[in-house]
Amino acid sequence: MKEKTRENVYKAFIGEAKAYFRLAAFAERADDEEFPQIAHLFRAIAQAEHVHATNHLKLLEDLIVSDSDTNLRESFNREKTVTNNIYPELIKVAEAEGEKRASITFTHARDAEEVHLRLYERALLNTMSEKDTEYYLCSVCGYVVEKHLPDKCPVCGVKQDRFKQIA
């Protein structure tokens, strides 16, 4: 793929991915405001944006997606950068500007990312078995745990019922 087209496909992918999440948030708000049909519309269009993003990503797949070992190493390295460099800076700025809610969400994300980093590291060290492992996701902060659910999330403190199993 030629450079300019590749850049445009990537921009389109990012735009569609953002639209998906934005529309999903709009659907939640419509639900909260008791507008189920509007929420349904937002969800339908969000799914369409997801299809668009996926189609764009497929065009870039050979540039972005590699073999599983390479993908795992890249994911580990990106997680390490986010955990050790990006989130600490975001937290620092939010605290300096007195933005407590932003600081909390950045801190929760960083703490969850540290766990993701350890999961990737274990996979890289081949300590994970080839057996199916169950993962559970905290729907509030993004913390991921293997096999056994905690009574409450160690990152954000919500109860066990806020976790969902990831297949």
Protein backbone atom coordinates (compact mmCIF):
# COMPACT_ATOMS: atom_id res chain seq x y z
CA MET A 1 0.00 0.00 0.00
CA LYS A 2 1.33 3.41 -0.87
CA GLU A 3 2.32 5.73 1.97
CA LYS A 4 -0.42 8.38 1.70
CA THR A 5 -3.17 5.77 1.34
CA ARG A 6 -1.76 3.85 4.32
CA GLU A 7 -1.82 7.06 6.39
CA ASN A 8 -5.41 7.71 5.32
CA VAL A 9 -6.51 4.17 6.14
CA TYR A 10 -4.90 4.51 9.58
CA LYS A 11 -6.63 7.87 10.15
CA ALA A 12 -9.94 6.32 9.12
CA PHE A 13 -9.33 3.40 11.50
CA ILE A 14 -8.66 5.77 14.40
CA GLY A 15 -11.71 7.88 13.54
CA GLU A 16 -14.02 4.87 13.34
CA ALA A 17 -12.64 3.43 16.59
CA LYS A 18 -13.24 6.74 18.37
CA ALA A 19 -16.75 6.93 16.91
CA TYR A 20 -17.50 3.43 18.20
CA PHE A 21 -16.58 4.36 21.77
CA ARG A 22 -18.25 7.75 21.61
CA LEU A 23 -21.52 6.22 20.37
CA ALA A 24 -21.36 3.49 23.00
CA ALA A 25 -21.10 6.22 25.65
CA PHE A 26 -24.02 8.06 24.04
CA ALA A 27 -26.07 4.84 24.23
CA GLU A 28 -25.34 4.49 27.94
CA ARG A 29 -26.43 8.07 28.53
CA ALA A 30 -29.63 7.53 26.54
CA ASP A 31 -30.34 4.45 28.67
CA ASP A 32 -29.74 6.47 31.84
CA GLU A 33 -32.15 9.12 30.57
CA GLU A 34 -34.71 6.40 29.72
CA PHE A 35 -34.61 6.80 25.95
CA PRO A 36 -34.28 3.11 24.98
CA GLN A 37 -34.94 3.62 21.26
CA ILE A 38 -32.25 6.30 21.00
CA ALA A 39 -29.87 4.04 22.95
CA HIS A 40 -30.68 1.23 20.53
CA LEU A 41 -29.94 3.51 17.57
CA PHE A 42 -26.60 4.59 19.06
CA ARG A 43 -25.65 0.94 19.69
CA ALA A 44 -26.57 -0.07 16.14
CA ILE A 45 -24.50 2.71 14.60
CA ALA A 46 -21.66 2.03 17.07
CA GLN A 47 -21.57 -1.55 15.81
CA ALA A 48 -21.46 -0.24 12.24
CA GLU A 49 -18.48 1.95 13.16
CA HIS A 50 -16.86 -1.15 14.70
CA VAL A 51 -17.29 -2.95 11.36
CA HIS A 52 -15.72 0.01 9.54
CA ALA A 53 -12.77 0.11 11.96
CA THR A 54 -12.27 -3.65 11.62
CA ASN A 55 -12.31 -3.41 7.83
CA HIS A 56 -9.72 -0.63 7.88
CA LEU A 57 -7.56 -2.57 10.33
CA LYS A 58 -7.64 -5.60 8.02
CA LEU A 59 -6.09 -3.44 5.30
CA LEU A 60 -3.29 -2.54 7.71
CA GLU A 61 -3.00 -5.99 9.25
CA ASP A 62 0.28 -6.91 7.58
CA LEU A 63 1.73 -3.66 8.95
CA ILE A 64 0.24 -3.92 12.45
CA VAL A 65 -0.50 -7.57 13.23
CA SER A 66 2.32 -10.09 13.15
CA ASP A 67 2.83 -13.60 14.51
CA SER A 68 1.67 -14.23 18.10
CA ASP A 69 5.16 -14.14 19.60
CA THR A 70 5.89 -10.76 18.01
CA ASN A 71 2.43 -9.45 18.95
CA LEU A 72 3.01 -10.54 22.55
CA ARG A 73 6.41 -8.85 22.71
CA GLU A 74 5.06 -5.65 21.17
CA SER A 75 2.09 -5.66 23.56
CA PHE A 76 4.47 -6.13 26.49
CA ASN A 77 6.68 -3.24 25.34
CA ARG A 78 3.74 -0.91 24.74
CA GLU A 79 2.23 -1.79 28.12
CA LYS A 80 5.59 -1.12 29.77
CA THR A 81 5.81 2.32 28.14
CA VAL A 82 2.24 3.21 29.08
CA THR A 83 2.70 2.00 32.66
CA ASN A 84 6.12 3.49 33.34
CA ASN A 85 6.13 6.65 31.23
CA ILE A 86 2.79 7.81 29.89
CA TYR A 87 0.42 7.34 32.84
CA PRO A 88 2.84 8.75 35.43
CA GLU A 89 3.07 11.94 33.36
CA LEU A 90 -0.72 12.12 32.92
CA ILE A 91 -1.19 11.65 36.67
CA LYS A 92 1.39 14.33 37.45
CA VAL A 93 -0.33 16.90 35.20
CA ALA A 94 -3.82 16.08 36.50
CA GLU A 95 -2.66 16.43 40.10
CA ALA A 96 -0.83 19.69 39.37
CA GLU A 97 -4.01 21.08 37.82
CA GLY A 98 -6.17 19.85 40.71
CA GLU A 99 -8.13 17.47 38.48
CA LYS A 100 -8.88 14.76 41.04
CA ARG A 101 -11.24 12.68 38.86
CA ALA A 102 -8.73 12.59 36.01
CA SER A 103 -5.96 11.68 38.45
CA ILE A 104 -8.04 8.82 39.86
CA THR A 105 -8.96 7.37 36.46
CA PHE A 106 -5.35 7.65 35.26
CA THR A 107 -4.11 6.00 38.48
CA HIS A 108 -6.62 3.15 38.18
CA ALA A 109 -5.65 2.63 34.54
CA ARG A 110 -1.93 2.66 35.38
CA ASP A 111 -2.43 0.14 38.20
CA ALA A 112 -4.47 -2.13 35.93
CA GLU A 113 -1.85 -1.76 33.18
CA GLU A 114 0.81 -2.97 35.64
CA VAL A 115 -1.17 -6.20 36.01
CA HIS A 116 -1.51 -6.49 32.23
CA LEU A 117 2.27 -6.07 32.02
CA ARG A 118 2.80 -8.97 34.46
CA LEU A 119 0.37 -11.17 32.50
CA TYR A 120 2.27 -10.48 29.27
CA GLU A 121 5.58 -11.08 31.02
CA ARG A 122 4.41 -14.48 32.30
CA ALA A 123 3.26 -15.40 28.80
CA LEU A 124 6.63 -14.36 27.38
CA LEU A 125 8.41 -16.48 29.95
CA ASN A 126 6.22 -19.44 28.96
CA THR A 127 4.95 -19.94 32.48
CA MET A 128 1.36 -19.92 31.28
CA SER A 129 0.06 -23.36 30.44
CA GLU A 130 -1.53 -24.13 27.12
CA LYS A 131 -4.72 -24.99 29.02
CA ASP A 132 -7.61 -22.61 28.87
CA THR A 133 -7.27 -19.91 31.46
CA GLU A 134 -10.26 -17.96 32.62
CA TYR A 135 -9.87 -14.20 32.79
CA TYR A 136 -12.11 -11.74 34.56
CA LEU A 137 -12.27 -8.02 33.81
CA CYS A 138 -13.24 -5.27 36.23
CA SER A 139 -15.73 -3.24 34.23
CA VAL A 140 -14.87 -0.10 36.20
CA CYS A 141 -11.07 0.20 35.98
CA GLY A 142 -9.90 -2.49 33.55
CA TYR A 143 -8.11 -4.71 36.09
CA VAL A 144 -7.72 -8.28 34.75
CA VAL A 145 -7.39 -11.34 36.96
CA GLU A 146 -6.85 -15.00 36.10
CA LYS A 147 -8.90 -17.94 37.38
CA HIS A 148 -10.24 -16.68 40.72
CA LEU A 149 -12.34 -13.60 41.27
CA PRO A 150 -11.35 -11.39 44.18
CA ASP A 151 -14.07 -10.29 46.63
CA LYS A 152 -13.35 -6.75 45.50
CA CYS A 153 -11.16 -5.16 42.87
CA PRO A 154 -7.67 -4.50 44.27
CA VAL A 155 -7.34 -1.42 42.05
CA CYS A 156 -10.63 0.47 42.40
CA GLY A 157 -12.37 -1.39 45.21
CA VAL A 158 -15.65 -2.34 43.50
CA LYS A 159 -17.40 -5.57 44.45
CA GLN A 160 -17.01 -8.87 42.64
CA ASP A 161 -20.29 -8.44 40.76
CA ARG A 162 -18.68 -5.70 38.63
CA PHE A 163 -16.33 -8.26 37.04
CA LYS A 164 -17.20 -10.06 33.84
CA GLN A 165 -15.70 -13.24 32.48
CA ILE A 166 -13.77 -12.86 29.24
CA ALA A 167 -14.07 -15.81 26.88
